[in-house]
Amino acid sequence: MWLRRRLGAAERGRDQLDRKLRILVPEQQRLRILADGCQKDWLAGCDDASVWMLRATLLGGQDAIRYAAAPEHVDVEVTWTTALGVRYPAAAGPAGPPAEVPGVSGNAAIVPATVAYKKALVAGVRAAAAHEAVRRVEAEIAVTRRRVRALDRRWLPQLREALAVLEQSLVQAEQEDAVRLRRAAAPAIGAAHRGR
């Protein structure tokens, strides 16, 4: 009974892992598409920001760029989600309101450059979060596939073989008991027939 329960638990576990894969693989594909889109947005934002940076530098020089720089670092806020035990970033972006950039007189390209860099920053944060989500889901899929292979190639065959051997030995023991009972009953039956 113990071995049958253990085999049943292993088969149910294998079914659950298979179900997990059927859910995670489409999620992985969805996240990959999202990550690719975020990557394209980020690269486009970086290109746009580079163009505006060049314009701002040509109009005002390096000093204009230094004076226009944000006074502090940007904090990032990440929203997490969990799917089938896998925790991954669902969304990300700068935390709080954007820092105000001091105005620089005489350079019309600073404001568009600042806006372009803010957009590139947001796109970069989203791309990083999307790529981390893909990485985490892919890692969980790889672990789950290893577990399914271990069950299919090792544990389930071992348990089934052990159960078959045990059932065969029980059948053999029952047959041996039946033969012993017939042999033990044979002299008693023979004596009863002789006594008539």
N, C-alpha and C. Protein backbone atom coordinates (compact mmCIF):
# COMPACT_ATOMS: atom_id res chain seq x y z
N MET A 1 0.84 -1.19 0.00
CA MET A 1 0.00 0.00 0.00
C MET A 1 0.88 1.26 0.00
N TRP A 2 1.94 1.23 0.83
CA TRP A 2 2.82 2.38 0.91
C TRP A 2 3.44 2.69 -0.44
N LEU A 3 3.88 1.65 -1.14
CA LEU A 3 4.52 1.82 -2.44
C LEU A 3 3.52 2.34 -3.47
N ARG A 4 2.28 1.85 -3.42
CA ARG A 4 1.25 2.35 -4.34
C ARG A 4 0.94 3.82 -4.07
N ARG A 5 0.88 4.17 -2.78
CA ARG A 5 0.63 5.58 -2.45
C ARG A 5 1.78 6.46 -2.94
N ARG A 6 2.99 5.98 -2.78
CA ARG A 6 4.15 6.74 -3.22
C ARG A 6 4.17 6.88 -4.74
N LEU A 7 3.84 5.82 -5.45
CA LEU A 7 3.77 5.88 -6.92
C LEU A 7 2.67 6.84 -7.35
N GLY A 8 1.52 6.77 -6.68
CA GLY A 8 0.43 7.69 -7.00
C GLY A 8 0.82 9.14 -6.76
N ALA A 9 1.53 9.40 -5.66
CA ALA A 9 1.99 10.77 -5.37
C ALA A 9 2.98 11.24 -6.43
N ALA A 10 3.86 10.36 -6.86
CA ALA A 10 4.84 10.73 -7.90
C ALA A 10 4.14 11.02 -9.22
N GLU A 11 3.13 10.23 -9.56
CA GLU A 11 2.39 10.47 -10.81
C GLU A 11 1.60 11.77 -10.74
N ARG A 12 0.99 12.05 -9.59
CA ARG A 12 0.27 13.32 -9.43
C ARG A 12 1.24 14.50 -9.49
N GLY A 13 2.41 14.34 -8.89
CA GLY A 13 3.43 15.38 -8.95
C GLY A 13 3.89 15.63 -10.37
N ARG A 14 4.06 14.59 -11.12
CA ARG A 14 4.47 14.71 -12.52
C ARG A 14 3.39 15.45 -13.31
N ASP A 15 2.11 15.11 -13.06
CA ASP A 15 1.01 15.80 -13.73
C ASP A 15 0.98 17.29 -13.38
N GLN A 16 1.23 17.61 -12.11
CA GLN A 16 1.25 19.02 -11.69
C GLN A 16 2.40 19.78 -12.36
N LEU A 17 3.56 19.14 -12.45
CA LEU A 17 4.70 19.78 -13.11
C LEU A 17 4.41 20.00 -14.60
N ASP A 18 3.74 19.03 -15.22
CA ASP A 18 3.37 19.17 -16.62
C ASP A 18 2.38 20.32 -16.79
N ARG A 19 1.44 20.44 -15.89
CA ARG A 19 0.47 21.55 -15.92
C ARG A 19 1.19 22.89 -15.74
N LYS A 20 2.16 22.91 -14.85
CA LYS A 20 2.94 24.13 -14.62
C LYS A 20 3.66 24.54 -15.90
N LEU A 21 4.24 23.58 -16.61
CA LEU A 21 4.91 23.89 -17.87
C LEU A 21 3.94 24.42 -18.91
N ARG A 22 2.74 23.82 -18.98
CA ARG A 22 1.75 24.28 -19.95
C ARG A 22 1.30 25.71 -19.68
N ILE A 23 1.41 26.16 -18.44
CA ILE A 23 1.05 27.54 -18.10
C ILE A 23 2.25 28.47 -18.28
N LEU A 24 3.44 28.04 -17.87
CA LEU A 24 4.62 28.91 -17.90
C LEU A 24 5.17 29.16 -19.31
N VAL A 25 5.08 28.19 -20.19
CA VAL A 25 5.65 28.35 -21.53
C VAL A 25 4.93 29.48 -22.30
N PRO A 26 3.59 29.53 -22.32
CA PRO A 26 2.95 30.68 -22.97
C PRO A 26 3.28 32.01 -22.28
N GLU A 27 3.40 31.98 -20.95
CA GLU A 27 3.76 33.20 -20.23
C GLU A 27 5.17 33.64 -20.63
N GLN A 28 6.07 32.69 -20.79
CA GLN A 28 7.43 33.01 -21.24
C GLN A 28 7.40 33.66 -22.62
N GLN A 29 6.60 33.12 -23.52
CA GLN A 29 6.50 33.69 -24.86
C GLN A 29 5.93 35.09 -24.82
N ARG A 30 4.91 35.32 -23.99
CA ARG A 30 4.32 36.65 -23.85
C ARG A 30 5.36 37.63 -23.31
N LEU A 31 6.12 37.20 -22.30
CA LEU A 31 7.13 38.07 -21.71
C LEU A 31 8.27 38.36 -22.70
N ARG A 32 8.62 37.39 -23.52
CA ARG A 32 9.67 37.62 -24.53
C ARG A 32 9.23 38.69 -25.53
N ILE A 33 7.98 38.61 -25.97
CA ILE A 33 7.46 39.60 -26.91
C ILE A 33 7.47 40.98 -26.26
N LEU A 34 7.05 41.03 -25.01
CA LEU A 34 7.07 42.29 -24.27
C LEU A 34 8.49 42.83 -24.12
N ALA A 35 9.43 41.96 -23.78
CA ALA A 35 10.83 42.36 -23.61
C ALA A 35 11.42 42.86 -24.92
N ASP A 36 11.09 42.19 -26.02
CA ASP A 36 11.60 42.64 -27.33
C ASP A 36 11.06 44.03 -27.67
N GLY A 37 9.78 44.26 -27.39
CA GLY A 37 9.20 45.58 -27.63
C GLY A 37 9.84 46.65 -26.76
N CYS A 38 10.05 46.32 -25.49
CA CYS A 38 10.70 47.28 -24.58
C CYS A 38 12.14 47.57 -25.02
N GLN A 39 12.82 46.54 -25.49
CA GLN A 39 14.20 46.72 -25.97
C GLN A 39 14.23 47.67 -27.17
N LYS A 40 13.29 47.49 -28.10
CA LYS A 40 13.23 48.37 -29.27
C LYS A 40 12.92 49.81 -28.85
N ASP A 41 11.98 49.97 -27.92
CA ASP A 41 11.66 51.31 -27.42
C ASP A 41 12.87 51.96 -26.77
N TRP A 42 13.61 51.18 -26.01
CA TRP A 42 14.79 51.71 -25.33
C TRP A 42 15.86 52.14 -26.33
N LEU A 43 16.12 51.28 -27.30
CA LEU A 43 17.13 51.62 -28.31
C LEU A 43 16.73 52.86 -29.11
N ALA A 44 15.44 52.95 -29.46
CA ALA A 44 14.96 54.13 -30.18
C ALA A 44 15.08 55.38 -29.30
N GLY A 45 14.75 55.24 -28.01
CA GLY A 45 14.88 56.36 -27.08
C GLY A 45 16.32 56.80 -26.92
N CYS A 46 17.24 55.85 -26.88
CA CYS A 46 18.67 56.18 -26.76
C CYS A 46 19.16 56.91 -28.01
N ASP A 47 18.73 56.45 -29.17
CA ASP A 47 19.12 57.12 -30.41
C ASP A 47 18.61 58.56 -30.44
N ASP A 48 17.35 58.74 -30.07
CA ASP A 48 16.75 60.08 -30.05
C ASP A 48 17.49 60.97 -29.05
N ALA A 49 17.77 60.43 -27.87
CA ALA A 49 18.47 61.22 -26.85
C ALA A 49 19.88 61.59 -27.31
N SER A 50 20.55 60.68 -28.00
CA SER A 50 21.90 60.98 -28.50
C SER A 50 21.88 62.13 -29.51
N VAL A 51 20.86 62.13 -30.38
CA VAL A 51 20.74 63.20 -31.36
C VAL A 51 20.54 64.54 -30.65
N TRP A 52 19.64 64.55 -29.66
CA TRP A 52 19.39 65.80 -28.94
C TRP A 52 20.59 66.22 -28.10
N MET A 53 21.32 65.28 -27.58
CA MET A 53 22.53 65.61 -26.81
C MET A 53 23.57 66.27 -27.73
N LEU A 54 23.71 65.74 -28.91
CA LEU A 54 24.65 66.32 -29.86
C LEU A 54 24.24 67.76 -30.20
N ARG A 55 22.96 67.96 -30.44
CA ARG A 55 22.46 69.31 -30.75
C ARG A 55 22.72 70.26 -29.58
N ALA A 56 22.40 69.80 -28.36
CA ALA A 56 22.60 70.65 -27.17
C ALA A 56 24.07 70.97 -26.97
N THR A 57 24.92 70.01 -27.22
CA THR A 57 26.36 70.23 -27.07
C THR A 57 26.87 71.22 -28.11
N LEU A 58 26.41 71.08 -29.33
CA LEU A 58 26.84 72.00 -30.39
C LEU A 58 26.36 73.42 -30.12
N LEU A 59 25.16 73.56 -29.54
CA LEU A 59 24.63 74.90 -29.28
C LEU A 59 25.21 75.55 -28.03
N GLY A 60 25.47 74.76 -26.99
CA GLY A 60 25.88 75.36 -25.73
C GLY A 60 27.18 74.86 -25.16
N GLY A 61 27.76 73.86 -25.75
CA GLY A 61 29.01 73.32 -25.25
C GLY A 61 28.80 72.39 -24.05
N GLN A 62 29.91 71.87 -23.54
CA GLN A 62 29.86 70.92 -22.41
C GLN A 62 29.34 71.57 -21.14
N ASP A 63 29.59 72.86 -20.97
CA ASP A 63 29.11 73.55 -19.76
C ASP A 63 27.58 73.54 -19.71
N ALA A 64 26.93 73.74 -20.82
CA ALA A 64 25.46 73.73 -20.86
C ALA A 64 24.93 72.37 -20.44
N ILE A 65 25.60 71.33 -20.84
CA ILE A 65 25.19 69.96 -20.49
C ILE A 65 25.38 69.74 -18.99
N ARG A 66 26.51 70.18 -18.44
CA ARG A 66 26.77 70.00 -17.01
C ARG A 66 25.74 70.74 -16.16
N TYR A 67 25.39 71.96 -16.56
CA TYR A 67 24.41 72.73 -15.78
C TYR A 67 23.01 72.16 -15.89
N ALA A 68 22.73 71.46 -16.96
CA ALA A 68 21.40 70.90 -17.18
C ALA A 68 21.23 69.53 -16.53
N ALA A 69 22.30 68.95 -16.04
CA ALA A 69 22.23 67.60 -15.46
C ALA A 69 21.36 67.61 -14.21
N ALA A 70 20.65 66.52 -14.01
CA ALA A 70 19.80 66.37 -12.82
C ALA A 70 20.67 66.38 -11.57
N PRO A 71 20.22 67.02 -10.49
CA PRO A 71 21.04 67.14 -9.29
C PRO A 71 21.20 65.84 -8.51
N GLU A 72 20.35 64.84 -8.76
CA GLU A 72 20.43 63.59 -7.97
C GLU A 72 20.12 62.39 -8.86
N HIS A 73 20.34 61.23 -8.28
CA HIS A 73 20.05 59.99 -9.00
C HIS A 73 18.55 59.76 -9.06
N VAL A 74 18.15 58.90 -9.96
CA VAL A 74 16.73 58.57 -10.12
C VAL A 74 16.47 57.26 -9.38
N ASP A 75 15.43 57.26 -8.56
CA ASP A 75 15.00 56.02 -7.90
C ASP A 75 14.04 55.29 -8.82
N VAL A 76 14.12 53.97 -8.79
CA VAL A 76 13.28 53.14 -9.64
C VAL A 76 12.35 52.33 -8.76
N GLU A 77 11.11 52.23 -9.18
CA GLU A 77 10.11 51.44 -8.46
C GLU A 77 9.73 50.24 -9.32
N VAL A 78 9.80 49.07 -8.71
CA VAL A 78 9.49 47.83 -9.43
C VAL A 78 8.27 47.19 -8.79
N THR A 79 7.30 46.82 -9.60
CA THR A 79 6.11 46.10 -9.15
C THR A 79 6.33 44.62 -9.49
N TRP A 80 6.16 43.78 -8.49
CA TRP A 80 6.41 42.34 -8.66
C TRP A 80 5.10 41.58 -8.75
N THR A 81 5.14 40.46 -9.43
CA THR A 81 4.01 39.55 -9.49
C THR A 81 4.52 38.12 -9.33
N THR A 82 3.61 37.21 -9.03
CA THR A 82 3.98 35.81 -8.85
C THR A 82 3.04 34.95 -9.69
N ALA A 83 3.61 34.03 -10.43
CA ALA A 83 2.83 33.08 -11.22
C ALA A 83 3.39 31.69 -10.95
N LEU A 84 2.57 30.84 -10.36
CA LEU A 84 2.96 29.45 -10.07
C LEU A 84 4.26 29.36 -9.30
N GLY A 85 4.43 30.24 -8.34
CA GLY A 85 5.62 30.22 -7.50
C GLY A 85 6.81 30.96 -8.05
N VAL A 86 6.68 31.54 -9.23
CA VAL A 86 7.78 32.30 -9.83
C VAL A 86 7.50 33.78 -9.59
N ARG A 87 8.41 34.44 -8.92
CA ARG A 87 8.26 35.88 -8.65
C ARG A 87 9.11 36.63 -9.65
N TYR A 88 8.46 37.55 -10.38
CA TYR A 88 9.18 38.32 -11.39
C TYR A 88 8.59 39.72 -11.50
N PRO A 89 9.39 40.68 -12.04
CA PRO A 89 8.90 42.05 -12.16
C PRO A 89 7.80 42.15 -13.21
N ALA A 90 6.70 42.80 -12.83
CA ALA A 90 5.59 42.98 -13.76
C ALA A 90 5.67 44.34 -14.43
N ALA A 91 6.16 45.34 -13.71
CA ALA A 91 6.29 46.69 -14.26
C ALA A 91 7.39 47.42 -13.50
N ALA A 92 7.93 48.43 -14.13
CA ALA A 92 8.97 49.23 -13.49
C ALA A 92 8.98 50.61 -14.09
N GLY A 93 9.41 51.55 -13.30
CA GLY A 93 9.51 52.93 -13.77
C GLY A 93 10.14 53.79 -12.69
N PRO A 94 10.44 55.02 -13.03
CA PRO A 94 11.01 55.93 -12.04
C PRO A 94 10.02 56.16 -10.90
N ALA A 95 10.53 56.22 -9.69
CA ALA A 95 9.67 56.43 -8.51
C ALA A 95 9.54 57.93 -8.27
N GLY A 96 8.35 58.36 -8.00
CA GLY A 96 8.13 59.76 -7.67
C GLY A 96 8.15 60.66 -8.90
N PRO A 97 7.94 61.93 -8.67
CA PRO A 97 7.94 62.87 -9.80
C PRO A 97 9.35 63.08 -10.33
N PRO A 98 9.48 63.39 -11.62
CA PRO A 98 10.81 63.61 -12.19
C PRO A 98 11.44 64.87 -11.61
N ALA A 99 12.75 64.83 -11.47
CA ALA A 99 13.50 65.99 -10.96
C ALA A 99 13.45 67.12 -11.97
N GLU A 100 13.31 68.30 -11.46
CA GLU A 100 13.29 69.48 -12.33
C GLU A 100 14.71 69.82 -12.76
N VAL A 101 14.84 70.14 -14.00
CA VAL A 101 16.15 70.50 -14.54
C VAL A 101 16.22 72.02 -14.61
N PRO A 102 17.28 72.60 -14.07
CA PRO A 102 17.39 74.05 -14.15
C PRO A 102 17.48 74.51 -15.60
N GLY A 103 16.80 75.60 -15.91
CA GLY A 103 16.81 76.11 -17.27
C GLY A 103 18.16 76.68 -17.63
N VAL A 104 18.54 76.46 -18.86
CA VAL A 104 19.81 77.00 -19.35
C VAL A 104 19.46 77.99 -20.44
N SER A 105 19.88 79.19 -20.25
CA SER A 105 19.53 80.23 -21.23
C SER A 105 20.38 80.09 -22.48
N GLY A 106 19.77 80.45 -23.60
CA GLY A 106 20.52 80.48 -24.84
C GLY A 106 20.69 79.14 -25.53
N ASN A 107 20.06 78.06 -25.04
CA ASN A 107 20.21 76.76 -25.67
C ASN A 107 18.83 76.11 -25.80
N ALA A 108 18.30 76.13 -26.99
CA ALA A 108 16.96 75.60 -27.23
C ALA A 108 16.93 74.07 -27.27
N ALA A 109 18.06 73.41 -27.34
CA ALA A 109 18.09 71.94 -27.45
C ALA A 109 18.14 71.25 -26.10
N ILE A 110 18.37 71.98 -25.00
CA ILE A 110 18.48 71.35 -23.69
C ILE A 110 17.16 70.72 -23.26
N VAL A 111 16.07 71.44 -23.39
CA VAL A 111 14.77 70.90 -22.94
C VAL A 111 14.38 69.67 -23.75
N PRO A 112 14.42 69.68 -25.09
CA PRO A 112 14.12 68.44 -25.82
C PRO A 112 15.09 67.30 -25.50
N ALA A 113 16.36 67.64 -25.25
CA ALA A 113 17.32 66.59 -24.89
C ALA A 113 16.96 65.99 -23.54
N THR A 114 16.55 66.84 -22.60
CA THR A 114 16.15 66.35 -21.28
C THR A 114 14.93 65.44 -21.39
N VAL A 115 13.95 65.86 -22.17
CA VAL A 115 12.75 65.04 -22.37
C VAL A 115 13.12 63.71 -23.03
N ALA A 116 13.99 63.75 -24.02
CA ALA A 116 14.41 62.52 -24.71
C ALA A 116 15.13 61.57 -23.77
N TYR A 117 15.99 62.11 -22.89
CA TYR A 117 16.70 61.24 -21.95
C TYR A 117 15.76 60.66 -20.89
N LYS A 118 14.76 61.43 -20.49
CA LYS A 118 13.78 60.89 -19.53
C LYS A 118 13.00 59.74 -20.16
N LYS A 119 12.61 59.90 -21.42
CA LYS A 119 11.90 58.82 -22.12
C LYS A 119 12.81 57.59 -22.27
N ALA A 120 14.07 57.82 -22.59
CA ALA A 120 15.02 56.70 -22.72
C ALA A 120 15.22 56.01 -21.38
N LEU A 121 15.26 56.80 -20.31
CA LEU A 121 15.40 56.21 -18.97
C LEU A 121 14.23 55.32 -18.63
N VAL A 122 13.01 55.81 -18.86
CA VAL A 122 11.81 55.01 -18.58
C VAL A 122 11.80 53.75 -19.43
N ALA A 123 12.13 53.89 -20.72
CA ALA A 123 12.17 52.72 -21.60
C ALA A 123 13.25 51.73 -21.16
N GLY A 124 14.39 52.23 -20.71
CA GLY A 124 15.46 51.35 -20.24
C GLY A 124 15.08 50.59 -18.98
N VAL A 125 14.41 51.26 -18.07
CA VAL A 125 13.96 50.60 -16.84
C VAL A 125 12.94 49.51 -17.17
N ARG A 126 12.01 49.84 -18.06
CA ARG A 126 11.00 48.84 -18.45
C ARG A 126 11.66 47.65 -19.17
N ALA A 127 12.63 47.93 -20.01
CA ALA A 127 13.33 46.85 -20.72
C ALA A 127 14.08 45.96 -19.74
N ALA A 128 14.73 46.56 -18.76
CA ALA A 128 15.47 45.76 -17.77
C ALA A 128 14.52 44.88 -16.97
N ALA A 129 13.38 45.43 -16.57
CA ALA A 129 12.39 44.65 -15.82
C ALA A 129 11.84 43.51 -16.67
N ALA A 130 11.55 43.80 -17.94
CA ALA A 130 11.01 42.77 -18.84
C ALA A 130 12.02 41.65 -19.07
N HIS A 131 13.29 42.01 -19.24
CA HIS A 131 14.32 40.98 -19.45
C HIS A 131 14.53 40.15 -18.18
N GLU A 132 14.43 40.77 -17.02
CA GLU A 132 14.54 40.01 -15.76
C GLU A 132 13.36 39.06 -15.60
N ALA A 133 12.17 39.50 -15.99
CA ALA A 133 11.00 38.62 -15.92
C ALA A 133 11.19 37.40 -16.82
N VAL A 134 11.68 37.63 -18.03
CA VAL A 134 11.94 36.51 -18.96
C VAL A 134 12.97 35.57 -18.36
N ARG A 135 14.04 36.13 -17.81
CA ARG A 135 15.11 35.30 -17.24
C ARG A 135 14.59 34.42 -16.11
N ARG A 136 13.78 35.00 -15.24
CA ARG A 136 13.27 34.23 -14.10
C ARG A 136 12.30 33.14 -14.54
N VAL A 137 11.41 33.45 -15.47
CA VAL A 137 10.46 32.45 -15.95
C VAL A 137 11.20 31.34 -16.70
N GLU A 138 12.19 31.70 -17.50
CA GLU A 138 12.98 30.68 -18.21
C GLU A 138 13.72 29.78 -17.23
N ALA A 139 14.25 30.35 -16.17
CA ALA A 139 14.95 29.55 -15.17
C ALA A 139 13.99 28.57 -14.50
N GLU A 140 12.78 29.02 -14.20
CA GLU A 140 11.79 28.13 -13.57
C GLU A 140 11.35 27.03 -14.53
N ILE A 141 11.22 27.36 -15.80
CA ILE A 141 10.86 26.35 -16.80
C ILE A 141 11.97 25.30 -16.89
N ALA A 142 13.21 25.73 -16.88
CA ALA A 142 14.33 24.78 -16.95
C ALA A 142 14.34 23.85 -15.74
N VAL A 143 14.12 24.39 -14.55
CA VAL A 143 14.08 23.58 -13.33
C VAL A 143 12.92 22.60 -13.39
N THR A 144 11.77 23.07 -13.84
CA THR A 144 10.58 22.21 -13.91
C THR A 144 10.80 21.09 -14.92
N ARG A 145 11.41 21.40 -16.05
CA ARG A 145 11.69 20.35 -17.05
C ARG A 145 12.67 19.32 -16.50
N ARG A 146 13.67 19.76 -15.73
CA ARG A 146 14.60 18.79 -15.12
C ARG A 146 13.86 17.88 -14.15
N ARG A 147 12.94 18.44 -13.39
CA ARG A 147 12.17 17.63 -12.44
C ARG A 147 11.29 16.61 -13.17
N VAL A 148 10.66 17.04 -14.25
CA VAL A 148 9.82 16.12 -15.03
C VAL A 148 10.68 14.99 -15.60
N ARG A 149 11.85 15.35 -16.14
CA ARG A 149 12.75 14.31 -16.68
C ARG A 149 13.19 13.35 -15.59
N ALA A 150 13.48 13.87 -14.41
CA ALA A 150 13.91 13.00 -13.30
C ALA A 150 12.78 12.04 -12.93
N LEU A 151 11.56 12.54 -12.89
CA LEU A 151 10.43 11.66 -12.58
C LEU A 151 10.23 10.63 -13.68
N ASP A 152 10.26 11.08 -14.95
CA ASP A 152 10.01 10.18 -16.07
C ASP A 152 11.11 9.14 -16.26
N ARG A 153 12.34 9.54 -16.07
CA ARG A 153 13.46 8.63 -16.37
C ARG A 153 13.94 7.83 -15.18
N ARG A 154 13.68 8.32 -13.97
CA ARG A 154 14.25 7.65 -12.83
C ARG A 154 13.22 7.19 -11.81
N TRP A 155 12.50 8.15 -11.20
CA TRP A 155 11.66 7.80 -10.06
C TRP A 155 10.45 6.96 -10.44
N LEU A 156 9.71 7.35 -11.46
CA LEU A 156 8.53 6.57 -11.84
C LEU A 156 8.91 5.16 -12.29
N PRO A 157 9.92 4.98 -13.16
CA PRO A 157 10.30 3.61 -13.52
C PRO A 157 10.77 2.78 -12.31
N GLN A 158 11.52 3.40 -11.40
CA GLN A 158 11.98 2.66 -10.22
C GLN A 158 10.80 2.24 -9.34
N LEU A 159 9.86 3.17 -9.13
CA LEU A 159 8.70 2.84 -8.30
C LEU A 159 7.84 1.77 -8.96
N ARG A 160 7.63 1.88 -10.27
CA ARG A 160 6.82 0.88 -10.98
C ARG A 160 7.50 -0.49 -10.95
N GLU A 161 8.80 -0.49 -11.13
CA GLU A 161 9.54 -1.76 -11.08
C GLU A 161 9.48 -2.37 -9.68
N ALA A 162 9.66 -1.54 -8.66
CA ALA A 162 9.59 -2.05 -7.29
C ALA A 162 8.19 -2.59 -6.99
N LEU A 163 7.15 -1.90 -7.47
CA LEU A 163 5.78 -2.37 -7.26
C LEU A 163 5.54 -3.69 -7.99
N ALA A 164 6.04 -3.80 -9.21
CA ALA A 164 5.87 -5.04 -9.97
C ALA A 164 6.57 -6.21 -9.28
N VAL A 165 7.79 -5.96 -8.79
CA VAL A 165 8.53 -7.01 -8.08
C VAL A 165 7.79 -7.41 -6.81
N LEU A 166 7.29 -6.44 -6.08
CA LEU A 166 6.56 -6.71 -4.85
C LEU A 166 5.27 -7.48 -5.13
N GLU A 167 4.53 -7.06 -6.16
CA GLU A 167 3.29 -7.77 -6.50
C GLU A 167 3.58 -9.20 -6.95
N GLN A 168 4.65 -9.37 -7.71
CA GLN A 168 5.02 -10.72 -8.15
C GLN A 168 5.40 -11.59 -6.95
N SER A 169 6.14 -11.03 -6.00
CA SER A 169 6.51 -11.82 -4.82
C SER A 169 5.28 -12.13 -3.97
N LEU A 170 4.31 -11.22 -3.91
CA LEU A 170 3.07 -11.50 -3.17
C LEU A 170 2.26 -12.60 -3.84
N VAL A 171 2.18 -12.55 -5.17
CA VAL A 171 1.45 -13.61 -5.90
C VAL A 171 2.14 -14.94 -5.69
N GLN A 172 3.46 -14.95 -5.76
CA GLN A 172 4.21 -16.19 -5.56
C GLN A 172 4.00 -16.69 -4.13
N ALA A 173 4.01 -15.80 -3.15
CA ALA A 173 3.80 -16.21 -1.76
C ALA A 173 2.40 -16.78 -1.57
N GLU A 174 1.40 -16.20 -2.21
CA GLU A 174 0.02 -16.72 -2.12
C GLU A 174 -0.07 -18.11 -2.74
N GLN A 175 0.60 -18.30 -3.89
CA GLN A 175 0.58 -19.61 -4.53
C GLN A 175 1.27 -20.65 -3.65
N GLU A 176 2.39 -20.27 -3.04
CA GLU A 176 3.10 -21.19 -2.16
C GLU A 176 2.24 -21.53 -0.94
N ASP A 177 1.54 -20.55 -0.38
CA ASP A 177 0.64 -20.81 0.75
C ASP A 177 -0.49 -21.75 0.34
N ALA A 178 -1.02 -21.56 -0.86
CA ALA A 178 -2.10 -22.43 -1.33
C ALA A 178 -1.62 -23.86 -1.49
N VAL A 179 -0.39 -24.02 -2.03
CA VAL A 179 0.17 -25.38 -2.18
C VAL A 179 0.39 -26.01 -0.81
N ARG A 180 0.92 -25.24 0.16
CA ARG A 180 1.14 -25.77 1.51
C ARG A 180 -0.18 -26.18 2.17
N LEU A 181 -1.19 -25.37 1.98
CA LEU A 181 -2.49 -25.71 2.57
C LEU A 181 -3.06 -26.98 1.95
N ARG A 182 -2.92 -27.13 0.64
CA ARG A 182 -3.40 -28.35 0.00
C ARG A 182 -2.62 -29.58 0.47
N ARG A 183 -1.30 -29.41 0.62
CA ARG A 183 -0.49 -30.53 1.10
C ARG A 183 -0.84 -30.88 2.55
N ALA A 184 -1.03 -29.82 3.33
CA ALA A 184 -1.38 -30.08 4.74
C ALA A 184 -2.76 -30.70 4.84
N ALA A 185 -3.66 -30.31 3.96
CA ALA A 185 -5.02 -30.85 4.00
C ALA A 185 -5.10 -32.24 3.38
N ALA A 186 -4.16 -32.59 2.51
CA ALA A 186 -4.19 -33.88 1.80
C ALA A 186 -4.11 -35.06 2.76
N PRO A 187 -3.23 -35.13 3.77
CA PRO A 187 -3.22 -36.28 4.67
C PRO A 187 -4.51 -36.36 5.48
N ALA A 188 -5.04 -35.25 5.86
CA ALA A 188 -6.28 -35.27 6.65
C ALA A 188 -7.43 -35.78 5.81
N ILE A 189 -7.50 -35.44 4.55
CA ILE A 189 -8.56 -35.88 3.67
C ILE A 189 -8.40 -37.37 3.39
N GLY A 190 -7.14 -37.77 3.17
CA GLY A 190 -6.87 -39.20 2.91
C GLY A 190 -7.25 -40.05 4.12
N ALA A 191 -7.01 -39.60 5.34
CA ALA A 191 -7.36 -40.36 6.55
C ALA A 191 -8.85 -40.41 6.71
N ALA A 192 -9.54 -39.39 6.33
CA ALA A 192 -11.00 -39.37 6.45
C ALA A 192 -11.60 -40.35 5.46
N HIS A 193 -11.02 -40.48 4.28
CA HIS A 193 -11.55 -41.42 3.27
C HIS A 193 -11.24 -42.86 3.70
N ARG A 194 -10.12 -43.08 4.35
CA ARG A 194 -9.77 -44.43 4.77
C ARG A 194 -10.64 -44.87 5.92
N GLY A 195 -11.06 -43.93 6.71
CA GLY A 195 -11.85 -44.29 7.88
C GLY A 195 -13.26 -44.64 7.53
N ARG A 196 -13.75 -44.42 6.37
CA ARG A 196 -15.12 -44.74 5.99
C ARG A 196 -15.27 -46.13 5.68
